[in-house]
Amino acid sequence: MNHIFYLMGKSSSGKDTIYSRILKETGLIPIVLYTTRPIRDSEHEGVEYHFVDDDRFNAMRDGGEVIEWRTYDTKCGKWTYYTASDSLSTENGDRIGIGTLQSYLKIRDRVGDDVIVPVYIEVDDDIRFLRAVEREKQQSSPKYAELCRRFLADNEDFSDEKLSEAGITRRFENNGSVDECLASIKKYITGFQK
């Protein structure tokens, strides 16, 4: 049976870095989510996300193609992130995705516990905050108020209680070397592929 390995963690936990490295170093097929938020300077269409407008989201949702979505009322306007059914087929091999706890739960409801495997990345808040500020400084137009909103929201969205309710017990610490965290995750994934 093929699986969907689903990376989750608070903002600036290293998800994007680990996700990119896993894609380069394994044969996993990416799940590319959709978003209505503007593309960042370092991002590429169809790689990190499919960047679409509200009309496209509404058409896909009305057509039954959207599995889950969430809209954030950010300091920069309303941004929607969503998973479409075209991204989840495991017919051609194991897949890997990245998202929130809520998106994980919706996808799990759709494909089942035996298909989706949670991979939760954890980082101490002080380290995570400093990483977030450094990343935001690199943007052509830093949005620090949005960084703070997201940082605080993540503490609620990924609370220990919610993780426990979702059945997520395995956590991968990324406080120091991303290489060590990545090696641990790859070993974990390999265990499911045997």
N, C-alpha and C. Protein backbone atom coordinates (compact mmCIF):
# COMPACT_ATOMS: atom_id res chain seq x y z
N MET A 1 0.83 -1.19 0.00
CA MET A 1 0.00 0.00 0.00
C MET A 1 0.87 1.24 0.00
N ASN A 2 0.49 2.21 -0.81
CA ASN A 2 1.20 3.48 -0.84
C ASN A 2 0.61 4.42 0.20
N HIS A 3 1.43 5.37 0.64
CA HIS A 3 1.05 6.27 1.73
C HIS A 3 1.17 7.73 1.33
N ILE A 4 0.52 8.57 2.13
CA ILE A 4 0.72 10.01 2.08
C ILE A 4 1.39 10.40 3.39
N PHE A 5 2.61 10.88 3.33
CA PHE A 5 3.32 11.37 4.50
C PHE A 5 3.04 12.87 4.59
N TYR A 6 2.51 13.29 5.74
CA TYR A 6 2.00 14.66 5.85
C TYR A 6 2.77 15.43 6.91
N LEU A 7 3.59 16.40 6.46
CA LEU A 7 4.41 17.22 7.35
C LEU A 7 3.58 18.35 7.95
N MET A 8 3.72 18.50 9.25
CA MET A 8 3.03 19.57 9.96
C MET A 8 3.97 20.16 11.00
N GLY A 9 3.65 21.36 11.40
CA GLY A 9 4.40 22.03 12.45
C GLY A 9 4.05 23.50 12.44
N LYS A 10 4.39 24.17 13.50
CA LYS A 10 4.14 25.60 13.59
C LYS A 10 4.99 26.34 12.55
N SER A 11 4.64 27.59 12.28
CA SER A 11 5.41 28.38 11.32
C SER A 11 6.87 28.47 11.77
N SER A 12 7.77 28.43 10.82
CA SER A 12 9.22 28.50 11.04
C SER A 12 9.76 27.32 11.82
N SER A 13 9.10 26.17 11.69
CA SER A 13 9.61 24.95 12.32
C SER A 13 10.56 24.20 11.40
N GLY A 14 10.69 24.67 10.17
CA GLY A 14 11.58 24.02 9.21
C GLY A 14 10.87 23.11 8.23
N LYS A 15 9.55 23.16 8.21
CA LYS A 15 8.76 22.28 7.34
C LYS A 15 9.17 22.41 5.87
N ASP A 16 9.25 23.65 5.39
CA ASP A 16 9.55 23.85 3.97
C ASP A 16 10.94 23.32 3.60
N THR A 17 11.91 23.57 4.46
CA THR A 17 13.27 23.08 4.21
C THR A 17 13.29 21.55 4.19
N ILE A 18 12.68 20.94 5.18
CA ILE A 18 12.65 19.48 5.26
C ILE A 18 11.88 18.89 4.10
N TYR A 19 10.75 19.49 3.77
CA TYR A 19 9.94 19.05 2.65
C TYR A 19 10.76 19.07 1.35
N SER A 20 11.44 20.17 1.10
CA SER A 20 12.25 20.31 -0.12
C SER A 20 13.36 19.26 -0.18
N ARG A 21 14.01 19.04 0.94
CA ARG A 21 15.11 18.06 0.98
C ARG A 21 14.57 16.64 0.79
N ILE A 22 13.44 16.31 1.40
CA ILE A 22 12.86 14.98 1.21
C ILE A 22 12.51 14.76 -0.25
N LEU A 23 11.96 15.77 -0.90
CA LEU A 23 11.63 15.64 -2.32
C LEU A 23 12.88 15.38 -3.16
N LYS A 24 13.98 16.06 -2.84
CA LYS A 24 15.22 15.87 -3.59
C LYS A 24 15.87 14.52 -3.33
N GLU A 25 15.71 14.01 -2.10
CA GLU A 25 16.46 12.83 -1.68
C GLU A 25 15.65 11.53 -1.69
N THR A 26 14.38 11.60 -2.03
CA THR A 26 13.54 10.39 -2.06
C THR A 26 12.73 10.38 -3.35
N GLY A 27 11.98 9.33 -3.54
CA GLY A 27 11.11 9.24 -4.71
C GLY A 27 9.67 9.62 -4.41
N LEU A 28 9.44 10.31 -3.29
CA LEU A 28 8.08 10.69 -2.93
C LEU A 28 7.54 11.74 -3.91
N ILE A 29 6.25 11.64 -4.18
CA ILE A 29 5.57 12.56 -5.09
C ILE A 29 4.94 13.67 -4.27
N PRO A 30 5.15 14.94 -4.63
CA PRO A 30 4.63 16.03 -3.82
C PRO A 30 3.12 16.23 -3.98
N ILE A 31 2.49 16.59 -2.88
CA ILE A 31 1.12 17.12 -2.90
C ILE A 31 1.29 18.62 -2.94
N VAL A 32 0.81 19.24 -3.99
CA VAL A 32 0.92 20.69 -4.11
C VAL A 32 -0.43 21.30 -3.76
N LEU A 33 -0.45 22.06 -2.67
CA LEU A 33 -1.66 22.73 -2.23
C LEU A 33 -1.90 23.99 -3.05
N TYR A 34 -3.06 24.56 -2.87
CA TYR A 34 -3.44 25.79 -3.54
C TYR A 34 -3.54 26.91 -2.51
N THR A 35 -3.30 28.14 -2.94
CA THR A 35 -3.49 29.30 -2.06
C THR A 35 -3.86 30.53 -2.88
N THR A 36 -4.61 31.41 -2.22
CA THR A 36 -4.95 32.70 -2.83
C THR A 36 -4.01 33.80 -2.35
N ARG A 37 -3.06 33.46 -1.47
CA ARG A 37 -2.13 34.49 -1.00
C ARG A 37 -1.12 34.81 -2.08
N PRO A 38 -0.51 36.00 -2.03
CA PRO A 38 0.50 36.35 -3.03
C PRO A 38 1.73 35.46 -2.92
N ILE A 39 2.37 35.25 -4.02
CA ILE A 39 3.60 34.46 -4.07
C ILE A 39 4.73 35.25 -3.39
N ARG A 40 5.56 34.55 -2.61
CA ARG A 40 6.73 35.18 -1.99
C ARG A 40 7.87 35.21 -2.99
N ASP A 41 8.85 36.05 -2.72
CA ASP A 41 9.98 36.24 -3.63
C ASP A 41 10.68 34.92 -3.98
N SER A 42 10.80 34.03 -3.02
CA SER A 42 11.58 32.80 -3.23
C SER A 42 10.73 31.63 -3.74
N GLU A 43 9.44 31.83 -3.96
CA GLU A 43 8.55 30.73 -4.33
C GLU A 43 8.33 30.65 -5.84
N HIS A 44 7.82 29.48 -6.27
CA HIS A 44 7.56 29.23 -7.69
C HIS A 44 6.20 28.57 -7.85
N GLU A 45 5.44 28.99 -8.82
CA GLU A 45 4.13 28.42 -9.11
C GLU A 45 4.24 26.92 -9.34
N GLY A 46 3.37 26.16 -8.66
CA GLY A 46 3.33 24.72 -8.84
C GLY A 46 4.38 23.96 -8.05
N VAL A 47 5.23 24.66 -7.33
CA VAL A 47 6.25 24.00 -6.51
C VAL A 47 5.82 24.07 -5.05
N GLU A 48 5.86 25.24 -4.45
CA GLU A 48 5.40 25.38 -3.06
C GLU A 48 3.88 25.31 -3.00
N TYR A 49 3.21 26.01 -3.90
CA TYR A 49 1.75 26.06 -3.99
C TYR A 49 1.36 26.30 -5.44
N HIS A 50 0.06 26.10 -5.71
CA HIS A 50 -0.57 26.66 -6.91
C HIS A 50 -1.16 27.98 -6.43
N PHE A 51 -0.70 29.08 -7.00
CA PHE A 51 -1.17 30.40 -6.60
C PHE A 51 -2.34 30.79 -7.50
N VAL A 52 -3.52 30.93 -6.90
CA VAL A 52 -4.74 31.19 -7.66
C VAL A 52 -5.49 32.37 -7.05
N ASP A 53 -6.49 32.84 -7.76
CA ASP A 53 -7.31 33.92 -7.21
C ASP A 53 -8.59 33.35 -6.59
N ASP A 54 -9.36 34.22 -5.96
CA ASP A 54 -10.58 33.79 -5.28
C ASP A 54 -11.59 33.15 -6.24
N ASP A 55 -11.67 33.66 -7.46
CA ASP A 55 -12.62 33.09 -8.44
C ASP A 55 -12.30 31.64 -8.74
N ARG A 56 -11.01 31.32 -8.89
CA ARG A 56 -10.62 29.93 -9.17
C ARG A 56 -10.94 29.04 -7.97
N PHE A 57 -10.64 29.51 -6.77
CA PHE A 57 -10.98 28.74 -5.57
C PHE A 57 -12.47 28.46 -5.52
N ASN A 58 -13.29 29.48 -5.71
CA ASN A 58 -14.74 29.32 -5.63
C ASN A 58 -15.25 28.34 -6.69
N ALA A 59 -14.70 28.41 -7.89
CA ALA A 59 -15.11 27.48 -8.95
C ALA A 59 -14.74 26.04 -8.61
N MET A 60 -13.55 25.83 -8.08
CA MET A 60 -13.12 24.48 -7.70
C MET A 60 -13.95 23.96 -6.53
N ARG A 61 -14.23 24.81 -5.55
CA ARG A 61 -15.04 24.40 -4.41
C ARG A 61 -16.46 24.05 -4.86
N ASP A 62 -17.04 24.90 -5.70
CA ASP A 62 -18.40 24.66 -6.18
C ASP A 62 -18.47 23.41 -7.06
N GLY A 63 -17.34 23.07 -7.69
CA GLY A 63 -17.28 21.87 -8.53
C GLY A 63 -16.95 20.59 -7.76
N GLY A 64 -16.82 20.69 -6.44
CA GLY A 64 -16.56 19.51 -5.61
C GLY A 64 -15.12 19.03 -5.64
N GLU A 65 -14.21 19.86 -6.13
CA GLU A 65 -12.80 19.46 -6.23
C GLU A 65 -12.00 19.76 -4.96
N VAL A 66 -12.54 20.58 -4.07
CA VAL A 66 -11.81 21.01 -2.87
C VAL A 66 -12.17 20.09 -1.71
N ILE A 67 -11.15 19.48 -1.10
CA ILE A 67 -11.34 18.57 0.03
C ILE A 67 -11.43 19.34 1.35
N GLU A 68 -10.55 20.29 1.50
CA GLU A 68 -10.52 21.09 2.71
C GLU A 68 -9.97 22.46 2.37
N TRP A 69 -10.39 23.45 3.15
CA TRP A 69 -9.85 24.78 2.97
C TRP A 69 -9.93 25.53 4.28
N ARG A 70 -9.11 26.54 4.39
CA ARG A 70 -9.14 27.44 5.53
C ARG A 70 -8.77 28.83 5.02
N THR A 71 -9.49 29.82 5.52
CA THR A 71 -9.26 31.21 5.13
C THR A 71 -8.80 31.98 6.36
N TYR A 72 -7.70 32.68 6.21
CA TYR A 72 -7.14 33.48 7.29
C TYR A 72 -7.37 34.95 6.98
N ASP A 73 -7.88 35.67 7.97
CA ASP A 73 -8.05 37.11 7.85
C ASP A 73 -6.75 37.74 8.34
N THR A 74 -5.81 37.92 7.44
CA THR A 74 -4.46 38.37 7.80
C THR A 74 -4.38 39.88 7.81
N LYS A 75 -3.25 40.37 8.21
CA LYS A 75 -2.99 41.82 8.18
C LYS A 75 -2.88 42.32 6.74
N CYS A 76 -2.81 41.40 5.79
CA CYS A 76 -2.64 41.75 4.38
C CYS A 76 -3.88 41.40 3.55
N GLY A 77 -4.96 41.02 4.20
CA GLY A 77 -6.17 40.62 3.49
C GLY A 77 -6.50 39.17 3.77
N LYS A 78 -7.58 38.68 3.18
CA LYS A 78 -8.00 37.29 3.39
C LYS A 78 -7.26 36.38 2.41
N TRP A 79 -6.64 35.33 2.99
CA TRP A 79 -5.90 34.35 2.20
C TRP A 79 -6.50 32.98 2.46
N THR A 80 -6.75 32.23 1.39
CA THR A 80 -7.29 30.89 1.50
C THR A 80 -6.24 29.89 1.07
N TYR A 81 -6.13 28.80 1.84
CA TYR A 81 -5.26 27.67 1.51
C TYR A 81 -6.16 26.46 1.37
N TYR A 82 -5.92 25.60 0.36
CA TYR A 82 -6.79 24.44 0.22
C TYR A 82 -6.11 23.28 -0.49
N THR A 83 -6.72 22.11 -0.24
CA THR A 83 -6.27 20.88 -0.88
C THR A 83 -7.34 20.45 -1.87
N ALA A 84 -6.93 20.18 -3.07
CA ALA A 84 -7.87 19.72 -4.11
C ALA A 84 -7.65 18.22 -4.34
N SER A 85 -8.69 17.57 -4.79
CA SER A 85 -8.65 16.12 -4.99
C SER A 85 -7.59 15.70 -6.01
N ASP A 86 -7.21 16.59 -6.92
CA ASP A 86 -6.22 16.23 -7.94
C ASP A 86 -4.82 15.99 -7.36
N SER A 87 -4.65 16.27 -6.08
CA SER A 87 -3.33 16.16 -5.45
C SER A 87 -3.10 14.91 -4.62
N LEU A 88 -4.13 14.07 -4.40
CA LEU A 88 -4.02 13.03 -3.39
C LEU A 88 -3.86 11.60 -3.87
N SER A 89 -3.90 11.34 -5.14
CA SER A 89 -3.82 9.96 -5.62
C SER A 89 -2.48 9.32 -5.27
N THR A 90 -2.54 8.12 -4.66
CA THR A 90 -1.31 7.37 -4.35
C THR A 90 -1.11 6.24 -5.36
N GLU A 91 -1.84 6.29 -6.43
CA GLU A 91 -1.79 5.25 -7.46
C GLU A 91 -0.38 5.04 -8.02
N ASN A 92 0.37 6.13 -8.17
CA ASN A 92 1.70 6.05 -8.77
C ASN A 92 2.84 6.04 -7.76
N GLY A 93 2.52 5.92 -6.47
CA GLY A 93 3.56 5.86 -5.47
C GLY A 93 3.22 6.67 -4.23
N ASP A 94 4.13 6.60 -3.26
CA ASP A 94 3.97 7.36 -2.02
C ASP A 94 4.04 8.85 -2.31
N ARG A 95 3.26 9.61 -1.55
CA ARG A 95 3.23 11.06 -1.71
C ARG A 95 3.67 11.72 -0.41
N ILE A 96 4.01 12.99 -0.53
CA ILE A 96 4.33 13.78 0.66
C ILE A 96 3.66 15.13 0.51
N GLY A 97 3.08 15.59 1.63
CA GLY A 97 2.42 16.88 1.66
C GLY A 97 2.83 17.66 2.88
N ILE A 98 2.38 18.88 2.91
CA ILE A 98 2.71 19.78 4.01
C ILE A 98 1.49 20.63 4.29
N GLY A 99 1.15 20.80 5.57
CA GLY A 99 -0.04 21.60 5.88
C GLY A 99 -0.28 21.74 7.36
N THR A 100 -1.53 22.07 7.68
CA THR A 100 -1.94 22.32 9.05
C THR A 100 -2.54 21.06 9.66
N LEU A 101 -2.76 21.11 10.95
CA LEU A 101 -3.41 20.01 11.63
C LEU A 101 -4.84 19.82 11.09
N GLN A 102 -5.53 20.91 10.85
CA GLN A 102 -6.90 20.81 10.32
C GLN A 102 -6.91 20.19 8.93
N SER A 103 -5.97 20.56 8.08
CA SER A 103 -5.94 19.96 6.74
C SER A 103 -5.60 18.48 6.83
N TYR A 104 -4.70 18.12 7.74
CA TYR A 104 -4.38 16.71 7.96
C TYR A 104 -5.64 15.92 8.32
N LEU A 105 -6.43 16.45 9.25
CA LEU A 105 -7.63 15.75 9.70
C LEU A 105 -8.64 15.57 8.57
N LYS A 106 -8.83 16.59 7.75
CA LYS A 106 -9.77 16.50 6.62
C LYS A 106 -9.30 15.48 5.60
N ILE A 107 -8.00 15.49 5.31
CA ILE A 107 -7.46 14.53 4.35
C ILE A 107 -7.55 13.12 4.92
N ARG A 108 -7.24 12.98 6.21
CA ARG A 108 -7.35 11.67 6.86
C ARG A 108 -8.78 11.14 6.77
N ASP A 109 -9.76 12.02 6.97
CA ASP A 109 -11.15 11.61 6.84
C ASP A 109 -11.45 11.12 5.42
N ARG A 110 -10.80 11.71 4.44
CA ARG A 110 -11.04 11.37 3.03
C ARG A 110 -10.34 10.07 2.63
N VAL A 111 -9.06 9.91 3.04
CA VAL A 111 -8.27 8.76 2.54
C VAL A 111 -8.11 7.64 3.56
N GLY A 112 -8.31 7.93 4.87
CA GLY A 112 -8.19 6.91 5.90
C GLY A 112 -6.86 6.91 6.63
N ASP A 113 -6.89 6.42 7.89
CA ASP A 113 -5.68 6.37 8.74
C ASP A 113 -4.61 5.46 8.18
N ASP A 114 -5.03 4.46 7.43
CA ASP A 114 -4.04 3.51 6.92
C ASP A 114 -3.24 4.10 5.75
N VAL A 115 -3.71 5.20 5.16
CA VAL A 115 -3.01 5.81 4.02
C VAL A 115 -2.16 7.00 4.46
N ILE A 116 -2.72 7.86 5.30
CA ILE A 116 -2.00 9.09 5.67
C ILE A 116 -1.18 8.87 6.95
N VAL A 117 0.05 9.34 6.92
CA VAL A 117 0.98 9.19 8.05
C VAL A 117 1.40 10.59 8.50
N PRO A 118 1.06 10.99 9.75
CA PRO A 118 1.46 12.31 10.23
C PRO A 118 2.94 12.38 10.57
N VAL A 119 3.56 13.51 10.20
CA VAL A 119 4.96 13.77 10.53
C VAL A 119 4.99 15.17 11.15
N TYR A 120 5.04 15.23 12.48
CA TYR A 120 4.96 16.52 13.17
C TYR A 120 6.37 16.99 13.56
N ILE A 121 6.71 18.20 13.11
CA ILE A 121 8.03 18.80 13.38
C ILE A 121 7.86 19.83 14.49
N GLU A 122 8.71 19.71 15.50
CA GLU A 122 8.59 20.56 16.68
C GLU A 122 9.87 21.37 16.90
N VAL A 123 9.68 22.65 17.26
CA VAL A 123 10.80 23.56 17.54
C VAL A 123 10.41 24.41 18.73
N ASP A 124 11.37 24.66 19.62
CA ASP A 124 11.11 25.54 20.76
C ASP A 124 10.69 26.92 20.25
N ASP A 125 9.78 27.58 20.96
CA ASP A 125 9.22 28.85 20.51
C ASP A 125 10.26 29.94 20.31
N ASP A 126 11.25 30.02 21.19
CA ASP A 126 12.24 31.09 21.03
C ASP A 126 13.03 30.93 19.74
N ILE A 127 13.42 29.71 19.43
CA ILE A 127 14.16 29.44 18.19
C ILE A 127 13.26 29.72 16.99
N ARG A 128 12.03 29.29 17.07
CA ARG A 128 11.08 29.46 15.98
C ARG A 128 10.82 30.94 15.70
N PHE A 129 10.68 31.74 16.74
CA PHE A 129 10.42 33.16 16.55
C PHE A 129 11.60 33.85 15.86
N LEU A 130 12.82 33.54 16.30
CA LEU A 130 14.00 34.14 15.68
C LEU A 130 14.13 33.73 14.21
N ARG A 131 13.84 32.47 13.90
CA ARG A 131 13.86 32.01 12.52
C ARG A 131 12.83 32.77 11.67
N ALA A 132 11.65 32.99 12.25
CA ALA A 132 10.58 33.68 11.52
C ALA A 132 10.99 35.11 11.19
N VAL A 133 11.59 35.80 12.15
CA VAL A 133 12.03 37.18 11.92
C VAL A 133 13.10 37.21 10.84
N GLU A 134 14.06 36.31 10.92
CA GLU A 134 15.14 36.27 9.90
C GLU A 134 14.57 36.00 8.51
N ARG A 135 13.62 35.09 8.40
CA ARG A 135 13.01 34.80 7.10
C ARG A 135 12.25 36.00 6.58
N GLU A 136 11.52 36.66 7.44
CA GLU A 136 10.71 37.81 7.02
C GLU A 136 11.59 38.97 6.56
N LYS A 137 12.74 39.14 7.22
CA LYS A 137 13.67 40.21 6.84
C LYS A 137 14.14 40.06 5.39
N GLN A 138 14.13 38.84 4.88
CA GLN A 138 14.62 38.57 3.52
C GLN A 138 13.60 38.96 2.44
N GLN A 139 12.35 39.19 2.84
CA GLN A 139 11.31 39.54 1.88
C GLN A 139 11.47 40.99 1.42
N SER A 140 11.06 41.28 0.19
CA SER A 140 11.19 42.65 -0.31
C SER A 140 10.28 43.61 0.46
N SER A 141 9.20 43.09 1.00
CA SER A 141 8.28 43.91 1.80
C SER A 141 7.88 43.10 3.05
N PRO A 142 8.73 43.13 4.08
CA PRO A 142 8.45 42.33 5.28
C PRO A 142 7.10 42.67 5.91
N LYS A 143 6.42 41.64 6.40
CA LYS A 143 5.11 41.81 7.02
C LYS A 143 5.19 41.26 8.46
N TYR A 144 5.76 42.07 9.34
CA TYR A 144 6.00 41.63 10.71
C TYR A 144 4.72 41.44 11.51
N ALA A 145 3.71 42.26 11.26
CA ALA A 145 2.45 42.10 11.99
C ALA A 145 1.83 40.74 11.65
N GLU A 146 1.90 40.34 10.40
CA GLU A 146 1.37 39.03 10.00
C GLU A 146 2.20 37.90 10.62
N LEU A 147 3.52 38.09 10.69
CA LEU A 147 4.38 37.10 11.34
C LEU A 147 3.92 36.88 12.79
N CYS A 148 3.64 37.96 13.50
CA CYS A 148 3.23 37.85 14.91
C CYS A 148 1.86 37.18 15.02
N ARG A 149 0.93 37.54 14.15
CA ARG A 149 -0.39 36.92 14.18
C ARG A 149 -0.28 35.41 13.97
N ARG A 150 0.51 35.03 12.98
CA ARG A 150 0.70 33.61 12.64
C ARG A 150 1.38 32.86 13.79
N PHE A 151 2.38 33.48 14.39
CA PHE A 151 3.11 32.87 15.50
C PHE A 151 2.16 32.55 16.65
N LEU A 152 1.33 33.50 17.03
CA LEU A 152 0.40 33.30 18.14
C LEU A 152 -0.70 32.30 17.78
N ALA A 153 -1.20 32.36 16.57
CA ALA A 153 -2.26 31.43 16.14
C ALA A 153 -1.76 29.99 16.16
N ASP A 154 -0.51 29.79 15.81
CA ASP A 154 0.05 28.43 15.78
C ASP A 154 0.05 27.78 17.17
N ASN A 155 0.24 28.58 18.20
CA ASN A 155 0.23 28.01 19.56
C ASN A 155 -1.12 27.39 19.89
N GLU A 156 -2.18 27.98 19.37
CA GLU A 156 -3.51 27.42 19.58
C GLU A 156 -3.77 26.27 18.59
N ASP A 157 -3.45 26.49 17.34
CA ASP A 157 -3.74 25.49 16.30
C ASP A 157 -3.01 24.17 16.53
N PHE A 158 -1.80 24.23 17.09
CA PHE A 158 -1.00 23.02 17.32
C PHE A 158 -0.79 22.78 18.82
N SER A 159 -1.81 23.03 19.61
CA SER A 159 -1.69 22.80 21.05
C SER A 159 -1.49 21.31 21.32
N ASP A 160 -0.89 20.99 22.45
CA ASP A 160 -0.70 19.59 22.82
C ASP A 160 -2.03 18.84 22.86
N GLU A 161 -3.07 19.51 23.33
CA GLU A 161 -4.39 18.89 23.40
C GLU A 161 -4.91 18.51 22.00
N LYS A 162 -4.78 19.43 21.05
CA LYS A 162 -5.26 19.15 19.70
C LYS A 162 -4.42 18.07 19.01
N LEU A 163 -3.12 18.08 19.24
CA LEU A 163 -2.27 17.03 18.67
C LEU A 163 -2.66 15.67 19.25
N SER A 164 -2.90 15.63 20.54
CA SER A 164 -3.30 14.39 21.19
C SER A 164 -4.65 13.89 20.66
N GLU A 165 -5.61 14.79 20.52
CA GLU A 165 -6.92 14.43 19.98
C GLU A 165 -6.82 13.86 18.57
N ALA A 166 -5.84 14.35 17.81
CA ALA A 166 -5.65 13.89 16.43
C ALA A 166 -4.86 12.57 16.37
N GLY A 167 -4.40 12.10 17.54
CA GLY A 167 -3.64 10.85 17.58
C GLY A 167 -2.19 10.99 17.18
N ILE A 168 -1.68 12.21 17.21
CA ILE A 168 -0.29 12.45 16.83
C ILE A 168 0.57 12.34 18.08
N THR A 169 1.37 11.29 18.13
CA THR A 169 2.22 11.05 19.28
C THR A 169 3.70 11.17 18.93
N ARG A 170 4.05 10.90 17.70
CA ARG A 170 5.46 10.95 17.26
C ARG A 170 5.79 12.37 16.83
N ARG A 171 6.86 12.94 17.42
CA ARG A 171 7.29 14.29 17.09
C ARG A 171 8.77 14.26 16.71
N PHE A 172 9.13 15.10 15.77
CA PHE A 172 10.51 15.18 15.29
C PHE A 172 11.06 16.56 15.64
N GLU A 173 12.04 16.57 16.54
CA GLU A 173 12.61 17.82 17.05
C GLU A 173 13.57 18.43 16.02
N ASN A 174 13.40 19.74 15.76
CA ASN A 174 14.25 20.45 14.81
C ASN A 174 14.81 21.72 15.45
N ASN A 175 15.32 21.60 16.67
CA ASN A 175 15.90 22.75 17.37
C ASN A 175 17.33 23.04 16.96
N GLY A 176 18.03 22.03 16.51
CA GLY A 176 19.45 22.20 16.18
C GLY A 176 19.71 21.93 14.72
N SER A 177 20.27 20.79 14.46
CA SER A 177 20.67 20.42 13.10
C SER A 177 19.49 19.91 12.29
N VAL A 178 19.21 20.60 11.20
CA VAL A 178 18.15 20.13 10.31
C VAL A 178 18.51 18.78 9.72
N ASP A 179 19.81 18.51 9.56
CA ASP A 179 20.25 17.22 9.01
C ASP A 179 19.84 16.06 9.92
N GLU A 180 19.97 16.25 11.24
CA GLU A 180 19.58 15.20 12.18
C GLU A 180 18.07 14.97 12.15
N CYS A 181 17.31 16.05 12.12
CA CYS A 181 15.86 15.94 12.05
C CYS A 181 15.45 15.25 10.75
N LEU A 182 16.04 15.65 9.66
CA LEU A 182 15.74 15.06 8.35
C LEU A 182 16.06 13.57 8.33
N ALA A 183 17.20 13.20 8.87
CA ALA A 183 17.60 11.78 8.90
C ALA A 183 16.59 10.96 9.69
N SER A 184 16.12 11.50 10.79
CA SER A 184 15.15 10.81 11.63
C SER A 184 13.82 10.64 10.88
N ILE A 185 13.39 11.66 10.18
CA ILE A 185 12.15 11.59 9.41
C ILE A 185 12.27 10.60 8.26
N LYS A 186 13.38 10.64 7.56
CA LYS A 186 13.57 9.71 6.43
C LYS A 186 13.59 8.27 6.91
N LYS A 187 14.20 8.01 8.05
CA LYS A 187 14.21 6.66 8.62
C LYS A 187 12.78 6.23 8.96
N TYR A 188 12.01 7.12 9.53
CA TYR A 188 10.62 6.86 9.88
C TYR A 188 9.81 6.52 8.62
N ILE A 189 9.97 7.30 7.58
CA ILE A 189 9.25 7.08 6.33
C ILE A 189 9.63 5.72 5.72
N THR A 190 10.92 5.43 5.73
CA THR A 190 11.40 4.17 5.16
C THR A 190 10.75 2.97 5.85
N GLY A 191 10.48 3.09 7.14
CA GLY A 191 9.82 2.02 7.88
C GLY A 191 8.44 1.67 7.34
N PHE A 192 7.77 2.64 6.75
CA PHE A 192 6.44 2.40 6.17
C PHE A 192 6.53 1.84 4.75
N GLN A 193 7.67 2.01 4.11
CA GLN A 193 7.79 1.62 2.71
C GLN A 193 8.25 0.18 2.53
N LYS A 194 8.45 -0.55 3.61
CA LYS A 194 8.93 -1.93 3.52
C LYS A 194 7.78 -2.89 3.34
